[in-house]
Amino acid sequence: MTNHYETVFILTPVLSEPQMKEAVSKFSDLLAQNGGTVIEREEWGLRKLAYPIQGKTTGFYALLQFDAEPAVIATLETEFRRDERVIRFLTTRLDKYAYQYSEKRRGGKKNVEPANQEEA
């Protein structure tokens, strides 16, 4: 049985824009290769961290919302730990209310193209 999940991860700020997009694509592709379905992919851009992590005060934030078997999470998180570009990650299983809220937030669309939200 597949569950709904959401992963937010922070990439090191020394990456260029294409390198950051490639890293996000790598994790999306990893999910697809392991039988997961990426529902939404958002790149939130470079943001200030609440506290320094590994001496860095900013990082590229990205969100992946997906459906997958529970076993896929272990594979995904192992890849996050192995990838030097990832400085933090958090994966949560969405209950039905959180999933309904996220559907409402994105307007009921599935497989939304990456949102490129630039800060002014």
PDB file of N, CA and C in Angstrom:
ATOM      1  N   MET A   1       0.842  -1.186   0.000  1.00  0.00           N
ATOM      2  CA  MET A   1       0.000   0.000   0.000  1.00  0.00           C
ATOM      3  C   MET A   1       0.886   1.248   0.000  1.00  0.00           C
ATOM      4  N   THR A   2       0.576   2.157  -0.892  1.00  0.00           N
ATOM      5  CA  THR A   2       1.375   3.384  -0.946  1.00  0.00           C
ATOM      6  C   THR A   2       0.826   4.423   0.031  1.00  0.00           C
ATOM      7  N   ASN A   3       1.720   5.223   0.532  1.00  0.00           N
ATOM      8  CA  ASN A   3       1.374   6.317   1.434  1.00  0.00           C
ATOM      9  C   ASN A   3       1.745   7.635   0.776  1.00  0.00           C
ATOM     10  N   HIS A   4       1.210   8.714   1.306  1.00  0.00           N
ATOM     11  CA  HIS A   4       1.546  10.057   0.850  1.00  0.00           C
ATOM     12  C   HIS A   4       2.658  10.592   1.743  1.00  0.00           C
ATOM     13  N   TYR A   5       3.700  11.144   1.124  1.00  0.00           N
ATOM     14  CA  TYR A   5       4.835  11.675   1.872  1.00  0.00           C
ATOM     15  C   TYR A   5       5.193  13.059   1.358  1.00  0.00           C
ATOM     16  N   GLU A   6       5.919  13.766   2.197  1.00  0.00           N
ATOM     17  CA  GLU A   6       6.449  15.068   1.828  1.00  0.00           C
ATOM     18  C   GLU A   6       7.860  15.149   2.402  1.00  0.00           C
ATOM     19  N   THR A   7       8.806  15.552   1.573  1.00  0.00           N
ATOM     20  CA  THR A   7      10.190  15.710   2.010  1.00  0.00           C
ATOM     21  C   THR A   7      10.636  17.128   1.710  1.00  0.00           C
ATOM     22  N   VAL A   8      11.179  17.771   2.724  1.00  0.00           N
ATOM     23  CA  VAL A   8      11.809  19.076   2.545  1.00  0.00           C
ATOM     24  C   VAL A   8      13.292  18.860   2.799  1.00  0.00           C
ATOM     25  N   PHE A   9      14.124  19.349   1.890  1.00  0.00           N
ATOM     26  CA  PHE A   9      15.560  19.225   2.102  1.00  0.00           C
ATOM     27  C   PHE A   9      16.249  20.522   1.768  1.00  0.00           C
ATOM     28  N   ILE A  10      17.400  20.720   2.387  1.00  0.00           N
ATOM     29  CA  ILE A  10      18.175  21.946   2.216  1.00  0.00           C
ATOM     30  C   ILE A  10      19.507  21.569   1.582  1.00  0.00           C
ATOM     31  N   LEU A  11      19.817  22.249   0.489  1.00  0.00           N
ATOM     32  CA  LEU A  11      21.076  22.023  -0.216  1.00  0.00           C
ATOM     33  C   LEU A  11      22.054  23.138   0.132  1.00  0.00           C
ATOM     34  N   THR A  12      23.327  22.828   0.077  1.00  0.00           N
ATOM     35  CA  THR A  12      24.372  23.791   0.392  1.00  0.00           C
ATOM     36  C   THR A  12      24.263  25.030  -0.511  1.00  0.00           C
ATOM     37  N   PRO A  13      24.524  26.221   0.019  1.00  0.00           N
ATOM     38  CA  PRO A  13      24.363  27.450  -0.760  1.00  0.00           C
ATOM     39  C   PRO A  13      25.459  27.701  -1.794  1.00  0.00           C
ATOM     40  N   VAL A  14      26.509  26.893  -1.823  1.00  0.00           N
ATOM     41  CA  VAL A  14      27.598  27.129  -2.778  1.00  0.00           C
ATOM     42  C   VAL A  14      27.272  26.603  -4.177  1.00  0.00           C
ATOM     43  N   LEU A  15      26.124  25.960  -4.341  1.00  0.00           N
ATOM     44  CA  LEU A  15      25.745  25.417  -5.647  1.00  0.00           C
ATOM     45  C   LEU A  15      25.250  26.529  -6.570  1.00  0.00           C
ATOM     46  N   SER A  16      25.475  26.320  -7.872  1.00  0.00           N
ATOM     47  CA  SER A  16      24.895  27.236  -8.855  1.00  0.00           C
ATOM     48  C   SER A  16      23.436  26.811  -9.075  1.00  0.00           C
ATOM     49  N   GLU A  17      22.690  27.643  -9.759  1.00  0.00           N
ATOM     50  CA  GLU A  17      21.270  27.323 -10.032  1.00  0.00           C
ATOM     51  C   GLU A  17      21.119  25.997 -10.786  1.00  0.00           C
ATOM     52  N   PRO A  18      21.906  25.748 -11.862  1.00  0.00           N
ATOM     53  CA  PRO A  18      21.781  24.454 -12.557  1.00  0.00           C
ATOM     54  C   PRO A  18      22.164  23.262 -11.672  1.00  0.00           C
ATOM     55  N   GLN A  19      23.169  23.430 -10.817  1.00  0.00           N
ATOM     56  CA  GLN A  19      23.571  22.342  -9.918  1.00  0.00           C
ATOM     57  C   GLN A  19      22.467  22.038  -8.910  1.00  0.00           C
ATOM     58  N   MET A  20      21.802  23.075  -8.424  1.00  0.00           N
ATOM     59  CA  MET A  20      20.713  22.893  -7.478  1.00  0.00           C
ATOM     60  C   MET A  20      19.548  22.156  -8.150  1.00  0.00           C
ATOM     61  N   LYS A  21      19.198  22.571  -9.357  1.00  0.00           N
ATOM     62  CA  LYS A  21      18.110  21.912 -10.087  1.00  0.00           C
ATOM     63  C   LYS A  21      18.453  20.455 -10.387  1.00  0.00           C
ATOM     64  N   GLU A  22      19.713  20.184 -10.698  1.00  0.00           N
ATOM     65  CA  GLU A  22      20.145  18.811 -10.971  1.00  0.00           C
ATOM     66  C   GLU A  22      20.017  17.944  -9.722  1.00  0.00           C
ATOM     67  N   ALA A  23      20.343  18.501  -8.565  1.00  0.00           N
ATOM     68  CA  ALA A  23      20.240  17.756  -7.307  1.00  0.00           C
ATOM     69  C   ALA A  23      18.777  17.420  -7.008  1.00  0.00           C
ATOM     70  N   VAL A  24      17.877  18.375  -7.205  1.00  0.00           N
ATOM     71  CA  VAL A  24      16.451  18.133  -6.970  1.00  0.00           C
ATOM     72  C   VAL A  24      15.940  17.075  -7.945  1.00  0.00           C
ATOM     73  N   SER A  25      16.366  17.167  -9.203  1.00  0.00           N
ATOM     74  CA  SER A  25      15.968  16.169 -10.206  1.00  0.00           C
ATOM     75  C   SER A  25      16.480  14.779  -9.846  1.00  0.00           C
ATOM     76  N   LYS A  26      17.677  14.712  -9.289  1.00  0.00           N
ATOM     77  CA  LYS A  26      18.252  13.419  -8.898  1.00  0.00           C
ATOM     78  C   LYS A  26      17.337  12.702  -7.912  1.00  0.00           C
ATOM     79  N   PHE A  27      16.843  13.438  -6.916  1.00  0.00           N
ATOM     80  CA  PHE A  27      15.988  12.811  -5.910  1.00  0.00           C
ATOM     81  C   PHE A  27      14.596  12.493  -6.458  1.00  0.00           C
ATOM     82  N   SER A  28      14.082  13.334  -7.365  1.00  0.00           N
ATOM     83  CA  SER A  28      12.807  13.030  -8.024  1.00  0.00           C
ATOM     84  C   SER A  28      12.933  11.752  -8.845  1.00  0.00           C
ATOM     85  N   ASP A  29      14.029  11.641  -9.594  1.00  0.00           N
ATOM     86  CA  ASP A  29      14.263  10.458 -10.427  1.00  0.00           C
ATOM     87  C   ASP A  29      14.440   9.212  -9.572  1.00  0.00           C
ATOM     88  N   LEU A  30      15.122   9.348  -8.436  1.00  0.00           N
ATOM     89  CA  LEU A  30      15.316   8.221  -7.531  1.00  0.00           C
ATOM     90  C   LEU A  30      13.965   7.675  -7.061  1.00  0.00           C
ATOM     91  N   LEU A  31      13.050   8.567  -6.741  1.00  0.00           N
ATOM     92  CA  LEU A  31      11.716   8.133  -6.322  1.00  0.00           C
ATOM     93  C   LEU A  31      11.008   7.390  -7.446  1.00  0.00           C
ATOM     94  N   ALA A  32      11.078   7.942  -8.659  1.00  0.00           N
ATOM     95  CA  ALA A  32      10.430   7.306  -9.809  1.00  0.00           C
ATOM     96  C   ALA A  32      11.024   5.926 -10.096  1.00  0.00           C
ATOM     97  N   GLN A  33      12.344   5.791  -9.976  1.00  0.00           N
ATOM     98  CA  GLN A  33      13.010   4.512 -10.231  1.00  0.00           C
ATOM     99  C   GLN A  33      12.616   3.450  -9.217  1.00  0.00           C
ATOM    100  N   ASN A  34      12.230   3.877  -8.015  1.00  0.00           N
ATOM    101  CA  ASN A  34      11.863   2.938  -6.961  1.00  0.00           C
ATOM    102  C   ASN A  34      10.355   2.783  -6.813  1.00  0.00           C
ATOM    103  N   GLY A  35       9.605   3.160  -7.836  1.00  0.00           N
ATOM    104  CA  GLY A  35       8.164   2.936  -7.842  1.00  0.00           C
ATOM    105  C   GLY A  35       7.346   4.043  -7.206  1.00  0.00           C
ATOM    106  N   GLY A  36       7.967   5.165  -6.855  1.00  0.00           N
ATOM    107  CA  GLY A  36       7.227   6.282  -6.279  1.00  0.00           C
ATOM    108  C   GLY A  36       6.675   7.180  -7.372  1.00  0.00           C
ATOM    109  N   THR A  37       5.690   7.979  -7.008  1.00  0.00           N
ATOM    110  CA  THR A  37       5.091   8.932  -7.939  1.00  0.00           C
ATOM    111  C   THR A  37       5.229  10.321  -7.352  1.00  0.00           C
ATOM    112  N   VAL A  38       5.987  11.188  -8.010  1.00  0.00           N
ATOM    113  CA  VAL A  38       6.155  12.555  -7.538  1.00  0.00           C
ATOM    114  C   VAL A  38       4.901  13.344  -7.921  1.00  0.00           C
ATOM    115  N   ILE A  39       4.247  13.894  -6.910  1.00  0.00           N
ATOM    116  CA  ILE A  39       3.012  14.645  -7.133  1.00  0.00           C
ATOM    117  C   ILE A  39       3.317  16.118  -7.318  1.00  0.00           C
ATOM    118  N   GLU A  40       4.224  16.626  -6.509  1.00  0.00           N
ATOM    119  CA  GLU A  40       4.582  18.033  -6.609  1.00  0.00           C
ATOM    120  C   GLU A  40       6.055  18.207  -6.276  1.00  0.00           C
ATOM    121  N   ARG A  41       6.653  19.141  -6.969  1.00  0.00           N
ATOM    122  CA  ARG A  41       8.068  19.455  -6.764  1.00  0.00           C
ATOM    123  C   ARG A  41       8.177  20.969  -6.716  1.00  0.00           C
ATOM    124  N   GLU A  42       8.687  21.481  -5.612  1.00  0.00           N
ATOM    125  CA  GLU A  42       8.837  22.927  -5.468  1.00  0.00           C
ATOM    126  C   GLU A  42      10.279  23.253  -5.113  1.00  0.00           C
ATOM    127  N   GLU A  43      10.788  24.285  -5.743  1.00  0.00           N
ATOM    128  CA  GLU A  43      12.109  24.800  -5.398  1.00  0.00           C
ATOM    129  C   GLU A  43      11.879  26.177  -4.795  1.00  0.00           C
ATOM    130  N   TRP A  44      12.151  26.306  -3.506  1.00  0.00           N
ATOM    131  CA  TRP A  44      11.867  27.552  -2.798  1.00  0.00           C
ATOM    132  C   TRP A  44      13.006  28.546  -2.890  1.00  0.00           C
ATOM    133  N   GLY A  45      14.133  28.144  -3.431  1.00  0.00           N
ATOM    134  CA  GLY A  45      15.247  29.051  -3.622  1.00  0.00           C
ATOM    135  C   GLY A  45      16.129  29.198  -2.394  1.00  0.00           C
ATOM    136  N   LEU A  46      17.016  30.165  -2.460  1.00  0.00           N
ATOM    137  CA  LEU A  46      17.991  30.417  -1.396  1.00  0.00           C
ATOM    138  C   LEU A  46      17.307  31.172  -0.261  1.00  0.00           C
ATOM    139  N   ARG A  47      17.385  30.601   0.943  1.00  0.00           N
ATOM    140  CA  ARG A  47      16.758  31.224   2.112  1.00  0.00           C
ATOM    141  C   ARG A  47      17.712  31.194   3.296  1.00  0.00           C
ATOM    142  N   LYS A  48      17.463  32.100   4.213  1.00  0.00           N
ATOM    143  CA  LYS A  48      18.268  32.162   5.439  1.00  0.00           C
ATOM    144  C   LYS A  48      17.854  31.024   6.372  1.00  0.00           C
ATOM    145  N   LEU A  49      18.839  30.371   6.971  1.00  0.00           N
ATOM    146  CA  LEU A  49      18.561  29.301   7.923  1.00  0.00           C
ATOM    147  C   LEU A  49      18.260  29.900   9.294  1.00  0.00           C
ATOM    148  N   ALA A  50      17.488  29.190  10.098  1.00  0.00           N
ATOM    149  CA  ALA A  50      17.154  29.655  11.447  1.00  0.00           C
ATOM    150  C   ALA A  50      18.400  29.673  12.334  1.00  0.00           C
ATOM    151  N   TYR A  51      19.314  28.759  12.070  1.00  0.00           N
ATOM    152  CA  TYR A  51      20.574  28.689  12.814  1.00  0.00           C
ATOM    153  C   TYR A  51      21.630  28.107  11.880  1.00  0.00           C
ATOM    154  N   PRO A  52      22.908  28.400  12.121  1.00  0.00           N
ATOM    155  CA  PRO A  52      23.951  27.890  11.222  1.00  0.00           C
ATOM    156  C   PRO A  52      24.018  26.357  11.237  1.00  0.00           C
ATOM    157  N   ILE A  53      24.170  25.778  10.054  1.00  0.00           N
ATOM    158  CA  ILE A  53      24.346  24.329   9.896  1.00  0.00           C
ATOM    159  C   ILE A  53      25.640  24.143   9.117  1.00  0.00           C
ATOM    160  N   GLN A  54      26.579  23.411   9.693  1.00  0.00           N
ATOM    161  CA  GLN A  54      27.883  23.182   9.072  1.00  0.00           C
ATOM    162  C   GLN A  54      28.542  24.507   8.676  1.00  0.00           C
ATOM    163  N   GLY A  55      28.355  25.521   9.497  1.00  0.00           N
ATOM    164  CA  GLY A  55      28.962  26.824   9.248  1.00  0.00           C
ATOM    165  C   GLY A  55      28.266  27.656   8.186  1.00  0.00           C
ATOM    166  N   LYS A  56      27.147  27.194   7.676  1.00  0.00           N
ATOM    167  CA  LYS A  56      26.417  27.921   6.624  1.00  0.00           C
ATOM    168  C   LYS A  56      25.190  28.588   7.219  1.00  0.00           C
ATOM    169  N   THR A  57      24.880  29.802   6.734  1.00  0.00           N
ATOM    170  CA  THR A  57      23.726  30.532   7.244  1.00  0.00           C
ATOM    171  C   THR A  57      22.582  30.603   6.241  1.00  0.00           C
ATOM    172  N   THR A  58      22.811  30.119   5.012  1.00  0.00           N
ATOM    173  CA  THR A  58      21.760  30.072   4.002  1.00  0.00           C
ATOM    174  C   THR A  58      21.785  28.699   3.335  1.00  0.00           C
ATOM    175  N   GLY A  59      20.718  28.397   2.602  1.00  0.00           N
ATOM    176  CA  GLY A  59      20.657  27.135   1.883  1.00  0.00           C
ATOM    177  C   GLY A  59      19.525  27.151   0.870  1.00  0.00           C
ATOM    178  N   PHE A  60      19.616  26.287  -0.131  1.00  0.00           N
ATOM    179  CA  PHE A  60      18.559  26.131  -1.126  1.00  0.00           C
ATOM    180  C   PHE A  60      17.528  25.144  -0.589  1.00  0.00           C
ATOM    181  N   TYR A  61      16.299  25.590  -0.446  1.00  0.00           N
ATOM    182  CA  TYR A  61      15.221  24.732   0.040  1.00  0.00           C
ATOM    183  C   TYR A  61      14.475  24.113  -1.138  1.00  0.00           C
ATOM    184  N   ALA A  62      14.086  22.854  -0.974  1.00  0.00           N
ATOM    185  CA  ALA A  62      13.285  22.167  -1.991  1.00  0.00           C
ATOM    186  C   ALA A  62      12.282  21.256  -1.297  1.00  0.00           C
ATOM    187  N   LEU A  63      11.140  21.055  -1.932  1.00  0.00           N
ATOM    188  CA  LEU A  63      10.099  20.190  -1.396  1.00  0.00           C
ATOM    189  C   LEU A  63       9.688  19.192  -2.468  1.00  0.00           C
ATOM    190  N   LEU A  64       9.553  17.940  -2.068  1.00  0.00           N
ATOM    191  CA  LEU A  64       9.009  16.898  -2.941  1.00  0.00           C
ATOM    192  C   LEU A  64       7.823  16.280  -2.223  1.00  0.00           C
ATOM    193  N   GLN A  65       6.682  16.262  -2.898  1.00  0.00           N
ATOM    194  CA  GLN A  65       5.529  15.551  -2.353  1.00  0.00           C
ATOM    195  C   GLN A  65       5.304  14.360  -3.270  1.00  0.00           C
ATOM    196  N   PHE A  66       5.160  13.180  -2.663  1.00  0.00           N
ATOM    197  CA  PHE A  66       5.110  11.972  -3.475  1.00  0.00           C
ATOM    198  C   PHE A  66       4.318  10.866  -2.798  1.00  0.00           C
ATOM    199  N   ASP A  67       3.933   9.880  -3.604  1.00  0.00           N
ATOM    200  CA  ASP A  67       3.305   8.653  -3.120  1.00  0.00           C
ATOM    201  C   ASP A  67       4.319   7.536  -3.314  1.00  0.00           C
ATOM    202  N   ALA A  68       4.498   6.704  -2.290  1.00  0.00           N
ATOM    203  CA  ALA A  68       5.484   5.623  -2.385  1.00  0.00           C
ATOM    204  C   ALA A  68       5.205   4.569  -1.328  1.00  0.00           C
ATOM    205  N   GLU A  69       5.838   3.421  -1.517  1.00  0.00           N
ATOM    206  CA  GLU A  69       5.814   2.371  -0.510  1.00  0.00           C
ATOM    207  C   GLU A  69       6.721   2.804   0.645  1.00  0.00           C
ATOM    208  N   PRO A  70       6.427   2.372   1.861  1.00  0.00           N
ATOM    209  CA  PRO A  70       7.268   2.760   3.006  1.00  0.00           C
ATOM    210  C   PRO A  70       8.744   2.393   2.848  1.00  0.00           C
ATOM    211  N   ALA A  71       9.047   1.310   2.158  1.00  0.00           N
ATOM    212  CA  ALA A  71      10.444   0.882   1.990  1.00  0.00           C
ATOM    213  C   ALA A  71      11.257   1.886   1.169  1.00  0.00           C
ATOM    214  N   VAL A  72      10.602   2.663   0.332  1.00  0.00           N
ATOM    215  CA  VAL A  72      11.304   3.628  -0.518  1.00  0.00           C
ATOM    216  C   VAL A  72      11.914   4.748   0.324  1.00  0.00           C
ATOM    217  N   ILE A  73      11.315   5.046   1.454  1.00  0.00           N
ATOM    218  CA  ILE A  73      11.796   6.136   2.305  1.00  0.00           C
ATOM    219  C   ILE A  73      13.221   5.863   2.788  1.00  0.00           C
ATOM    220  N   ALA A  74      13.487   4.631   3.167  1.00  0.00           N
ATOM    221  CA  ALA A  74      14.842   4.283   3.622  1.00  0.00           C
ATOM    222  C   ALA A  74      15.864   4.510   2.512  1.00  0.00           C
ATOM    223  N   THR A  75      15.519   4.134   1.294  1.00  0.00           N
ATOM    224  CA  THR A  75      16.410   4.332   0.144  1.00  0.00           C
ATOM    225  C   THR A  75      16.647   5.824  -0.094  1.00  0.00           C
ATOM    226  N   LEU A  76      15.575   6.603  -0.062  1.00  0.00           N
ATOM    227  CA  LEU A  76      15.677   8.044  -0.290  1.00  0.00           C
ATOM    228  C   LEU A  76      16.545   8.706   0.782  1.00  0.00           C
ATOM    229  N   GLU A  77      16.296   8.368   2.038  1.00  0.00           N
ATOM    230  CA  GLU A  77      17.049   9.006   3.114  1.00  0.00           C
ATOM    231  C   GLU A  77      18.513   8.575   3.128  1.00  0.00           C
ATOM    232  N   THR A  78      18.800   7.355   2.694  1.00  0.00           N
ATOM    233  CA  THR A  78      20.195   6.926   2.558  1.00  0.00           C
ATOM    234  C   THR A  78      20.897   7.792   1.516  1.00  0.00           C
ATOM    235  N   GLU A  79      20.221   8.069   0.413  1.00  0.00           N
ATOM    236  CA  GLU A  79      20.810   8.929  -0.624  1.00  0.00           C
ATOM    237  C   GLU A  79      21.014  10.356  -0.122  1.00  0.00           C
ATOM    238  N   PHE A  80      20.064  10.866   0.689  1.00  0.00           N
ATOM    239  CA  PHE A  80      20.247  12.199   1.270  1.00  0.00           C
ATOM    240  C   PHE A  80      21.510  12.230   2.134  1.00  0.00           C
ATOM    241  N   ARG A  81      21.718  11.189   2.927  1.00  0.00           N
ATOM    242  CA  ARG A  81      22.889  11.152   3.815  1.00  0.00           C
ATOM    243  C   ARG A  81      24.195  11.033   3.024  1.00  0.00           C
ATOM    244  N   ARG A  82      24.166  10.338   1.912  1.00  0.00           N
ATOM    245  CA  ARG A  82      25.375  10.139   1.099  1.00  0.00           C
ATOM    246  C   ARG A  82      25.748  11.362   0.276  1.00  0.00           C
ATOM    247  N   ASP A  83      24.765  12.170  -0.079  1.00  0.00           N
ATOM    248  CA  ASP A  83      24.997  13.312  -0.966  1.00  0.00           C
ATOM    249  C   ASP A  83      25.536  14.493  -0.154  1.00  0.00           C
ATOM    250  N   GLU A  84      26.732  14.929  -0.469  1.00  0.00           N
ATOM    251  CA  GLU A  84      27.375  16.024   0.265  1.00  0.00           C
ATOM    252  C   GLU A  84      26.663  17.357   0.079  1.00  0.00           C
ATOM    253  N   ARG A  85      25.850  17.471  -0.963  1.00  0.00           N
ATOM    254  CA  ARG A  85      25.145  18.733  -1.219  1.00  0.00           C
ATOM    255  C   ARG A  85      23.991  18.953  -0.249  1.00  0.00           C
ATOM    256  N   VAL A  86      23.474  17.887   0.365  1.00  0.00           N
ATOM    257  CA  VAL A  86      22.330  17.980   1.278  1.00  0.00           C
ATOM    258  C   VAL A  86      22.835  18.248   2.693  1.00  0.00           C
ATOM    259  N   ILE A  87      22.364  19.354   3.286  1.00  0.00           N
ATOM    260  CA  ILE A  87      22.798  19.648   4.657  1.00  0.00           C
ATOM    261  C   ILE A  87      21.723  19.303   5.691  1.00  0.00           C
ATOM    262  N   ARG A  88      20.460  19.217   5.292  1.00  0.00           N
ATOM    263  CA  ARG A  88      19.374  18.779   6.181  1.00  0.00           C
ATOM    264  C   ARG A  88      18.228  18.227   5.332  1.00  0.00           C
ATOM    265  N   PHE A  89      17.457  17.314   5.916  1.00  0.00           N
ATOM    266  CA  PHE A  89      16.254  16.811   5.250  1.00  0.00           C
ATOM    267  C   PHE A  89      15.267  16.341   6.298  1.00  0.00           C
ATOM    268  N   LEU A  90      13.994  16.347   5.922  1.00  0.00           N
ATOM    269  CA  LEU A  90      12.948  15.847   6.802  1.00  0.00           C
ATOM    270  C   LEU A  90      11.845  15.256   5.933  1.00  0.00           C
ATOM    271  N   THR A  91      11.514  14.001   6.170  1.00  0.00           N
ATOM    272  CA  THR A  91      10.444  13.328   5.446  1.00  0.00           C
ATOM    273  C   THR A  91       9.312  13.045   6.426  1.00  0.00           C
ATOM    274  N   THR A  92       8.101  13.412   6.028  1.00  0.00           N
ATOM    275  CA  THR A  92       6.935  13.139   6.863  1.00  0.00           C
ATOM    276  C   THR A  92       5.864  12.435   6.052  1.00  0.00           C
ATOM    277  N   ARG A  93       5.154  11.537   6.712  1.00  0.00           N
ATOM    278  CA  ARG A  93       4.015  10.859   6.088  1.00  0.00           C
ATOM    279  C   ARG A  93       2.800  11.743   6.307  1.00  0.00           C
ATOM    280  N   LEU A  94       2.066  12.026   5.237  1.00  0.00           N
ATOM    281  CA  LEU A  94       0.904  12.899   5.337  1.00  0.00           C
ATOM    282  C   LEU A  94      -0.335  12.075   5.673  1.00  0.00           C
ATOM    283  N   ASP A  95      -1.061  12.500   6.691  1.00  0.00           N
ATOM    284  CA  ASP A  95      -2.344  11.852   6.957  1.00  0.00           C
ATOM    285  C   ASP A  95      -3.367  12.411   5.968  1.00  0.00           C
ATOM    286  N   LYS A  96      -4.590  11.929   6.029  1.00  0.00           N
ATOM    287  CA  LYS A  96      -5.571  12.326   5.016  1.00  0.00           C
ATOM    288  C   LYS A  96      -5.877  13.820   5.068  1.00  0.00           C
ATOM    289  N   TYR A  97      -5.823  14.418   6.255  1.00  0.00           N
ATOM    290  CA  TYR A  97      -6.120  15.844   6.372  1.00  0.00           C
ATOM    291  C   TYR A  97      -4.997  16.698   5.794  1.00  0.00           C
ATOM    292  N   ALA A  98      -3.763  16.325   6.060  1.00  0.00           N
ATOM    293  CA  ALA A  98      -2.622  17.049   5.500  1.00  0.00           C
ATOM    294  C   ALA A  98      -2.597  16.913   3.984  1.00  0.00           C
ATOM    295  N   TYR A  99      -2.946  15.724   3.483  1.00  0.00           N
ATOM    296  CA  TYR A  99      -2.970  15.501   2.039  1.00  0.00           C
ATOM    297  C   TYR A  99      -4.073  16.336   1.390  1.00  0.00           C
ATOM    298  N   GLN A 100      -5.245  16.389   2.023  1.00  0.00           N
ATOM    299  CA  GLN A 100      -6.345  17.201   1.490  1.00  0.00           C
ATOM    300  C   GLN A 100      -5.953  18.681   1.464  1.00  0.00           C
ATOM    301  N   TYR A 101      -5.281  19.122   2.531  1.00  0.00           N
ATOM    302  CA  TYR A 101      -4.845  20.512   2.580  1.00  0.00           C
ATOM    303  C   TYR A 101      -3.856  20.808   1.455  1.00  0.00           C
ATOM    304  N   SER A 102      -2.898  19.905   1.231  1.00  0.00           N
ATOM    305  CA  SER A 102      -1.899  20.150   0.190  1.00  0.00           C
ATOM    306  C   SER A 102      -2.546  20.135  -1.195  1.00  0.00           C
ATOM    307  N   GLU A 103      -3.556  19.279  -1.386  1.00  0.00           N
ATOM    308  CA  GLU A 103      -4.276  19.284  -2.663  1.00  0.00           C
ATOM    309  C   GLU A 103      -4.978  20.613  -2.880  1.00  0.00           C
ATOM    310  N   LYS A 104      -5.603  21.107  -1.832  1.00  0.00           N
ATOM    311  CA  LYS A 104      -6.315  22.389  -1.913  1.00  0.00           C
ATOM    312  C   LYS A 104      -5.323  23.516  -2.185  1.00  0.00           C
ATOM    313  N   ARG A 105      -4.166  23.445  -1.540  1.00  0.00           N
ATOM    314  CA  ARG A 105      -3.139  24.479  -1.702  1.00  0.00           C
ATOM    315  C   ARG A 105      -2.627  24.562  -3.136  1.00  0.00           C
ATOM    316  N   ARG A 106      -2.468  23.429  -3.784  1.00  0.00           N
ATOM    317  CA  ARG A 106      -1.972  23.457  -5.167  1.00  0.00           C
ATOM    318  C   ARG A 106      -3.106  23.482  -6.177  1.00  0.00           C
ATOM    319  N   GLY A 107      -4.336  23.630  -5.736  1.00  0.00           N
ATOM    320  CA  GLY A 107      -5.470  23.767  -6.639  1.00  0.00           C
ATOM    321  C   GLY A 107      -5.950  22.450  -7.217  1.00  0.00           C
ATOM    322  N   GLY A 108      -5.655  21.326  -6.552  1.00  0.00           N
ATOM    323  CA  GLY A 108      -6.121  20.031  -7.025  1.00  0.00           C
ATOM    324  C   GLY A 108      -5.331  19.464  -8.184  1.00  0.00           C
ATOM    325  N   LYS A 109      -4.272  20.161  -8.618  1.00  0.00           N
ATOM    326  CA  LYS A 109      -3.474  19.686  -9.758  1.00  0.00           C
ATOM    327  C   LYS A 109      -2.457  18.652  -9.297  1.00  0.00           C
ATOM    328  N   LYS A 110      -2.188  17.680 -10.157  1.00  0.00           N
ATOM    329  CA  LYS A 110      -1.136  16.697  -9.887  1.00  0.00           C
ATOM    330  C   LYS A 110      -0.013  16.925 -10.883  1.00  0.00           C
ATOM    331  N   ASN A 111       1.194  16.461 -10.499  1.00  0.00           N
ATOM    332  CA  ASN A 111       2.378  16.592 -11.357  1.00  0.00           C
ATOM    333  C   ASN A 111       2.583  18.036 -11.808  1.00  0.00           C
ATOM    334  N   VAL A 112       2.552  18.924 -10.862  1.00  0.00           N
ATOM    335  CA  VAL A 112       2.741  20.346 -11.125  1.00  0.00           C
ATOM    336  C   VAL A 112       4.201  20.590 -11.500  1.00  0.00           C
ATOM    337  N   GLU A 113       4.406  21.449 -12.473  1.00  0.00           N
ATOM    338  CA  GLU A 113       5.776  21.813 -12.852  1.00  0.00           C
ATOM    339  C   GLU A 113       6.434  22.522 -11.674  1.00  0.00           C
ATOM    340  N   PRO A 114       7.762  22.477 -11.599  1.00  0.00           N
ATOM    341  CA  PRO A 114       8.460  23.126 -10.488  1.00  0.00           C
ATOM    342  C   PRO A 114       8.100  24.604 -10.396  1.00  0.00           C
ATOM    343  N   ALA A 115       7.717  25.037  -9.221  1.00  0.00           N
ATOM    344  CA  ALA A 115       7.402  26.433  -8.999  1.00  0.00           C
ATOM    345  C   ALA A 115       8.701  27.185  -8.745  1.00  0.00           C
ATOM    346  N   ASN A 116       8.942  28.197  -9.527  1.00  0.00           N
ATOM    347  CA  ASN A 116      10.169  28.975  -9.369  1.00  0.00           C
ATOM    348  C   ASN A 116       9.777  30.272  -8.680  1.00  0.00           C
ATOM    349  N   GLN A 117       9.886  30.276  -7.371  1.00  0.00           N
ATOM    350  CA  GLN A 117       9.471  31.432  -6.591  1.00  0.00           C
ATOM    351  C   GLN A 117      10.710  32.224  -6.182  1.00  0.00           C
ATOM    352  N   GLU A 118      10.856  33.367  -6.791  1.00  0.00           N
ATOM    353  CA  GLU A 118      11.989  34.237  -6.490  1.00  0.00           C
ATOM    354  C   GLU A 118      11.593  35.197  -5.381  1.00  0.00           C
ATOM    355  N   GLU A 119      12.501  35.445  -4.456  1.00  0.00           N
ATOM    356  CA  GLU A 119      12.234  36.437  -3.426  1.00  0.00           C
ATOM    357  C   GLU A 119      12.608  37.803  -3.951  1.00  0.00           C
ATOM    358  N   ALA A 120      11.793  38.790  -3.634  1.00  0.00           N
ATOM    359  CA  ALA A 120      12.027  40.147  -4.129  1.00  0.00           C
ATOM    360  C   ALA A 120      13.009  40.881  -3.252  1.00  0.00           C
TER     361      ALA A 120
END
